[in-house]
Amino acid sequence: MTVYMLRCSDGSYYVGSTKQEIEARVWEHNNLPIDGYTTRRRPAVLVFTESYDRITDASARERQLKGWSRKKKEALIALAYEALPALSRRGHLVSSS
C-alpha cells in the first residue's frame, strides 16, 4: 500500500493512498474524467510516497498527513524531518498568559 502526495497546478496538495502502482494512480488523477479534487487542478505531480505493508497503517498515515499544515507537508516533501515537531499545530499555539 502506498501513501502519496501530489502537488496540484494551483499549488495545493492532495494526499491519498493506493494499492496499485503509483505511476498508474498518478496517471488516473491526470487523465480520467472522474470528478474529484485533482480534476480541476491538473496537472498533478507526485512529490512524496511512503510504502506500508498493512492497509491499516497506510490509512492512519493518510489521515495524519491530511491534517497537517501546508508548511509541515512541505517539510516532509523536503525530507526535513527535524523541522516537523516545530511545525505541529500544538507548536503554533500562542499562550494566553
N, C-alpha and C. Protein backbone atom coordinates (compact mmCIF):
# COMPACT_ATOMS: atom_id res chain seq x y z
N MET A 1 0.86 -1.18 0.00
CA MET A 1 0.00 0.00 0.00
C MET A 1 0.90 1.23 0.00
N THR A 2 0.57 2.20 -0.81
CA THR A 2 1.37 3.41 -0.93
C THR A 2 0.54 4.62 -0.52
N VAL A 3 1.10 5.44 0.36
CA VAL A 3 0.54 6.74 0.70
C VAL A 3 1.32 7.74 -0.14
N TYR A 4 0.61 8.68 -0.77
CA TYR A 4 1.28 9.59 -1.67
C TYR A 4 0.74 11.01 -1.53
N MET A 5 1.55 11.95 -2.00
CA MET A 5 1.14 13.35 -2.02
C MET A 5 1.41 13.90 -3.42
N LEU A 6 0.42 14.63 -3.94
CA LEU A 6 0.54 15.29 -5.23
C LEU A 6 0.53 16.79 -5.03
N ARG A 7 1.33 17.50 -5.82
CA ARG A 7 1.23 18.96 -5.87
C ARG A 7 0.39 19.28 -7.10
N CYS A 8 -0.71 19.95 -6.88
CA CYS A 8 -1.63 20.29 -7.97
C CYS A 8 -1.19 21.58 -8.66
N SER A 9 -1.78 21.84 -9.82
CA SER A 9 -1.39 23.01 -10.61
C SER A 9 -1.66 24.33 -9.89
N ASP A 10 -2.60 24.33 -8.93
CA ASP A 10 -2.88 25.56 -8.18
C ASP A 10 -2.00 25.69 -6.94
N GLY A 11 -1.04 24.74 -6.77
CA GLY A 11 -0.12 24.79 -5.64
C GLY A 11 -0.62 24.06 -4.41
N SER A 12 -1.85 23.56 -4.43
CA SER A 12 -2.37 22.83 -3.29
C SER A 12 -1.82 21.40 -3.30
N TYR A 13 -2.00 20.71 -2.18
CA TYR A 13 -1.53 19.33 -2.06
C TYR A 13 -2.72 18.39 -1.90
N TYR A 14 -2.60 17.24 -2.52
CA TYR A 14 -3.59 16.18 -2.39
C TYR A 14 -2.89 14.98 -1.77
N VAL A 15 -3.49 14.40 -0.74
CA VAL A 15 -2.93 13.21 -0.09
C VAL A 15 -3.88 12.05 -0.34
N GLY A 16 -3.32 10.92 -0.75
CA GLY A 16 -4.14 9.74 -1.00
C GLY A 16 -3.36 8.47 -0.74
N SER A 17 -4.01 7.33 -0.95
CA SER A 17 -3.34 6.04 -0.82
C SER A 17 -3.88 5.12 -1.90
N THR A 18 -3.07 4.14 -2.26
CA THR A 18 -3.46 3.22 -3.33
C THR A 18 -2.77 1.88 -3.16
N LYS A 19 -3.42 0.84 -3.68
CA LYS A 19 -2.82 -0.49 -3.72
C LYS A 19 -2.13 -0.71 -5.06
N GLN A 20 -2.51 0.08 -6.06
CA GLN A 20 -1.94 -0.11 -7.39
C GLN A 20 -0.57 0.57 -7.52
N GLU A 21 0.08 0.36 -8.64
CA GLU A 21 1.36 1.02 -8.88
C GLU A 21 1.14 2.53 -8.86
N ILE A 22 2.03 3.25 -8.20
CA ILE A 22 1.85 4.69 -8.01
C ILE A 22 1.80 5.45 -9.34
N GLU A 23 2.59 5.03 -10.31
CA GLU A 23 2.59 5.71 -11.60
C GLU A 23 1.22 5.63 -12.26
N ALA A 24 0.57 4.47 -12.13
CA ALA A 24 -0.76 4.29 -12.71
C ALA A 24 -1.78 5.18 -11.99
N ARG A 25 -1.65 5.28 -10.68
CA ARG A 25 -2.59 6.11 -9.92
C ARG A 25 -2.43 7.59 -10.26
N VAL A 26 -1.20 8.05 -10.40
CA VAL A 26 -0.96 9.45 -10.78
C VAL A 26 -1.52 9.70 -12.18
N TRP A 27 -1.34 8.75 -13.08
CA TRP A 27 -1.89 8.87 -14.43
C TRP A 27 -3.41 9.04 -14.35
N GLU A 28 -4.07 8.25 -13.51
CA GLU A 28 -5.52 8.35 -13.36
C GLU A 28 -5.92 9.75 -12.89
N HIS A 29 -5.20 10.28 -11.89
CA HIS A 29 -5.50 11.63 -11.40
C HIS A 29 -5.44 12.66 -12.53
N ASN A 30 -4.52 12.47 -13.44
CA ASN A 30 -4.31 13.46 -14.51
C ASN A 30 -5.12 13.21 -15.78
N ASN A 31 -5.70 12.03 -15.93
CA ASN A 31 -6.32 11.70 -17.21
C ASN A 31 -7.75 11.19 -17.18
N LEU A 32 -8.20 10.60 -16.10
CA LEU A 32 -9.56 10.05 -16.09
C LEU A 32 -10.59 11.15 -15.86
N PRO A 33 -11.74 11.02 -16.50
CA PRO A 33 -12.79 12.04 -16.35
C PRO A 33 -13.65 11.81 -15.10
N ILE A 34 -13.00 11.62 -13.97
CA ILE A 34 -13.70 11.43 -12.70
C ILE A 34 -13.72 12.76 -11.96
N ASP A 35 -14.89 13.16 -11.49
CA ASP A 35 -15.00 14.42 -10.77
C ASP A 35 -14.41 14.25 -9.37
N GLY A 36 -13.35 14.96 -9.09
CA GLY A 36 -12.72 14.88 -7.79
C GLY A 36 -11.82 16.09 -7.58
N TYR A 37 -11.10 16.09 -6.47
CA TYR A 37 -10.27 17.24 -6.09
C TYR A 37 -9.25 17.60 -7.17
N THR A 38 -8.57 16.61 -7.73
CA THR A 38 -7.50 16.91 -8.69
C THR A 38 -8.01 17.21 -10.09
N THR A 39 -9.27 16.91 -10.38
CA THR A 39 -9.82 17.10 -11.73
C THR A 39 -9.64 18.52 -12.23
N ARG A 40 -9.96 19.48 -11.39
CA ARG A 40 -9.86 20.90 -11.79
C ARG A 40 -8.52 21.52 -11.43
N ARG A 41 -7.58 20.69 -11.00
CA ARG A 41 -6.27 21.20 -10.57
C ARG A 41 -5.13 20.48 -11.31
N ARG A 42 -5.41 20.03 -12.51
CA ARG A 42 -4.40 19.30 -13.30
C ARG A 42 -3.45 20.27 -13.96
N PRO A 43 -2.22 19.85 -14.20
CA PRO A 43 -1.67 18.54 -13.86
C PRO A 43 -1.27 18.46 -12.39
N ALA A 44 -1.31 17.24 -11.88
CA ALA A 44 -0.86 16.95 -10.52
C ALA A 44 0.45 16.18 -10.63
N VAL A 45 1.42 16.57 -9.82
CA VAL A 45 2.76 15.98 -9.87
C VAL A 45 3.03 15.25 -8.56
N LEU A 46 3.53 14.04 -8.66
CA LEU A 46 3.88 13.25 -7.48
C LEU A 46 5.07 13.88 -6.78
N VAL A 47 4.93 14.17 -5.47
CA VAL A 47 6.02 14.81 -4.73
C VAL A 47 6.47 14.01 -3.52
N PHE A 48 5.69 12.97 -3.13
CA PHE A 48 6.07 12.21 -1.94
C PHE A 48 5.35 10.87 -1.93
N THR A 49 6.06 9.81 -1.51
CA THR A 49 5.45 8.49 -1.31
C THR A 49 6.04 7.81 -0.09
N GLU A 50 5.23 6.97 0.52
CA GLU A 50 5.67 6.06 1.58
C GLU A 50 4.94 4.74 1.35
N SER A 51 5.63 3.63 1.57
CA SER A 51 5.02 2.31 1.38
C SER A 51 4.77 1.64 2.72
N TYR A 52 3.65 0.93 2.80
CA TYR A 52 3.25 0.23 4.01
C TYR A 52 2.82 -1.19 3.66
N ASP A 53 3.11 -2.12 4.57
CA ASP A 53 2.69 -3.50 4.39
C ASP A 53 1.23 -3.69 4.77
N ARG A 54 0.77 -2.93 5.75
CA ARG A 54 -0.59 -3.08 6.27
C ARG A 54 -1.47 -1.91 5.86
N ILE A 55 -2.66 -2.22 5.39
CA ILE A 55 -3.62 -1.19 4.97
C ILE A 55 -3.97 -0.28 6.13
N THR A 56 -4.09 -0.83 7.32
CA THR A 56 -4.45 -0.01 8.48
C THR A 56 -3.38 1.04 8.77
N ASP A 57 -2.12 0.67 8.60
CA ASP A 57 -1.03 1.64 8.82
C ASP A 57 -1.07 2.74 7.75
N ALA A 58 -1.31 2.35 6.50
CA ALA A 58 -1.38 3.33 5.41
C ALA A 58 -2.56 4.28 5.62
N SER A 59 -3.70 3.75 6.02
CA SER A 59 -4.88 4.58 6.25
C SER A 59 -4.65 5.58 7.38
N ALA A 60 -3.99 5.12 8.44
CA ALA A 60 -3.69 6.02 9.56
C ALA A 60 -2.74 7.13 9.13
N ARG A 61 -1.73 6.79 8.35
CA ARG A 61 -0.77 7.79 7.89
C ARG A 61 -1.44 8.78 6.93
N GLU A 62 -2.31 8.29 6.06
CA GLU A 62 -3.02 9.18 5.14
C GLU A 62 -3.85 10.19 5.93
N ARG A 63 -4.59 9.73 6.92
CA ARG A 63 -5.40 10.63 7.75
C ARG A 63 -4.51 11.65 8.47
N GLN A 64 -3.37 11.18 8.97
CA GLN A 64 -2.44 12.08 9.65
C GLN A 64 -1.96 13.19 8.72
N LEU A 65 -1.49 12.81 7.54
CA LEU A 65 -0.96 13.80 6.59
C LEU A 65 -2.04 14.78 6.13
N LYS A 66 -3.26 14.31 5.96
CA LYS A 66 -4.34 15.20 5.55
C LYS A 66 -4.59 16.29 6.59
N GLY A 67 -4.28 16.02 7.84
CA GLY A 67 -4.47 17.00 8.90
C GLY A 67 -3.32 17.97 9.08
N TRP A 68 -2.23 17.75 8.37
CA TRP A 68 -1.05 18.59 8.52
C TRP A 68 -1.21 19.92 7.80
N SER A 69 -0.53 20.92 8.31
CA SER A 69 -0.49 22.23 7.65
C SER A 69 0.32 22.15 6.36
N ARG A 70 0.15 23.14 5.52
CA ARG A 70 0.92 23.21 4.27
C ARG A 70 2.42 23.21 4.56
N LYS A 71 2.85 24.02 5.54
CA LYS A 71 4.29 24.10 5.84
C LYS A 71 4.84 22.76 6.31
N LYS A 72 4.06 22.04 7.10
CA LYS A 72 4.52 20.74 7.58
C LYS A 72 4.60 19.73 6.43
N LYS A 73 3.62 19.77 5.52
CA LYS A 73 3.67 18.90 4.34
C LYS A 73 4.91 19.22 3.51
N GLU A 74 5.21 20.50 3.35
CA GLU A 74 6.38 20.89 2.55
C GLU A 74 7.68 20.46 3.22
N ALA A 75 7.74 20.48 4.54
CA ALA A 75 8.93 20.00 5.24
C ALA A 75 9.09 18.50 5.01
N LEU A 76 7.99 17.75 5.03
CA LEU A 76 8.05 16.31 4.77
C LEU A 76 8.53 16.05 3.35
N ILE A 77 7.98 16.78 2.39
CA ILE A 77 8.39 16.62 0.99
C ILE A 77 9.89 16.87 0.84
N ALA A 78 10.40 17.86 1.57
CA ALA A 78 11.83 18.21 1.52
C ALA A 78 12.67 17.27 2.37
N LEU A 79 12.01 16.30 3.03
CA LEU A 79 12.69 15.34 3.92
C LEU A 79 13.38 16.05 5.09
N ALA A 80 12.82 17.16 5.51
CA ALA A 80 13.35 17.94 6.63
C ALA A 80 12.67 17.46 7.91
N TYR A 81 12.94 16.21 8.28
CA TYR A 81 12.27 15.58 9.41
C TYR A 81 12.49 16.33 10.72
N GLU A 82 13.65 16.95 10.87
CA GLU A 82 13.95 17.67 12.11
C GLU A 82 13.04 18.88 12.30
N ALA A 83 12.47 19.39 11.23
CA ALA A 83 11.59 20.56 11.31
C ALA A 83 10.15 20.20 11.67
N LEU A 84 9.78 18.93 11.54
CA LEU A 84 8.38 18.54 11.71
C LEU A 84 7.81 18.83 13.10
N PRO A 85 8.52 18.53 14.19
CA PRO A 85 7.93 18.80 15.52
C PRO A 85 7.58 20.27 15.73
N ALA A 86 8.41 21.16 15.28
CA ALA A 86 8.17 22.59 15.46
C ALA A 86 6.99 23.08 14.62
N LEU A 87 6.64 22.34 13.58
CA LEU A 87 5.56 22.74 12.70
C LEU A 87 4.22 22.12 13.08
N SER A 88 4.19 21.40 14.18
CA SER A 88 2.91 20.82 14.61
C SER A 88 1.97 21.94 15.03
N ARG A 89 0.69 21.70 14.91
CA ARG A 89 -0.31 22.72 15.27
C ARG A 89 -0.17 23.10 16.75
N ARG A 90 0.15 22.15 17.60
CA ARG A 90 0.36 22.46 19.01
C ARG A 90 1.54 23.39 19.21
N GLY A 91 2.54 23.29 18.34
CA GLY A 91 3.71 24.16 18.44
C GLY A 91 3.43 25.58 18.05
N HIS A 92 2.28 25.79 17.37
CA HIS A 92 1.93 27.14 16.92
C HIS A 92 0.93 27.84 17.83
N LEU A 93 0.52 27.18 18.91
CA LEU A 93 -0.44 27.79 19.82
C LEU A 93 0.24 28.92 20.59
N VAL A 94 -0.47 30.00 20.75
CA VAL A 94 0.06 31.15 21.47
C VAL A 94 -0.49 31.13 22.88
N SER A 95 0.37 31.32 23.84
CA SER A 95 -0.04 31.33 25.23
C SER A 95 -0.91 32.55 25.50
N SER A 96 -1.96 32.35 26.31
CA SER A 96 -2.86 33.45 26.63
C SER A 96 -2.41 34.19 27.88
N SER A 97 -1.35 33.77 28.53
CA SER A 97 -0.89 34.46 29.75
C SER A 97 0.07 35.57 29.45
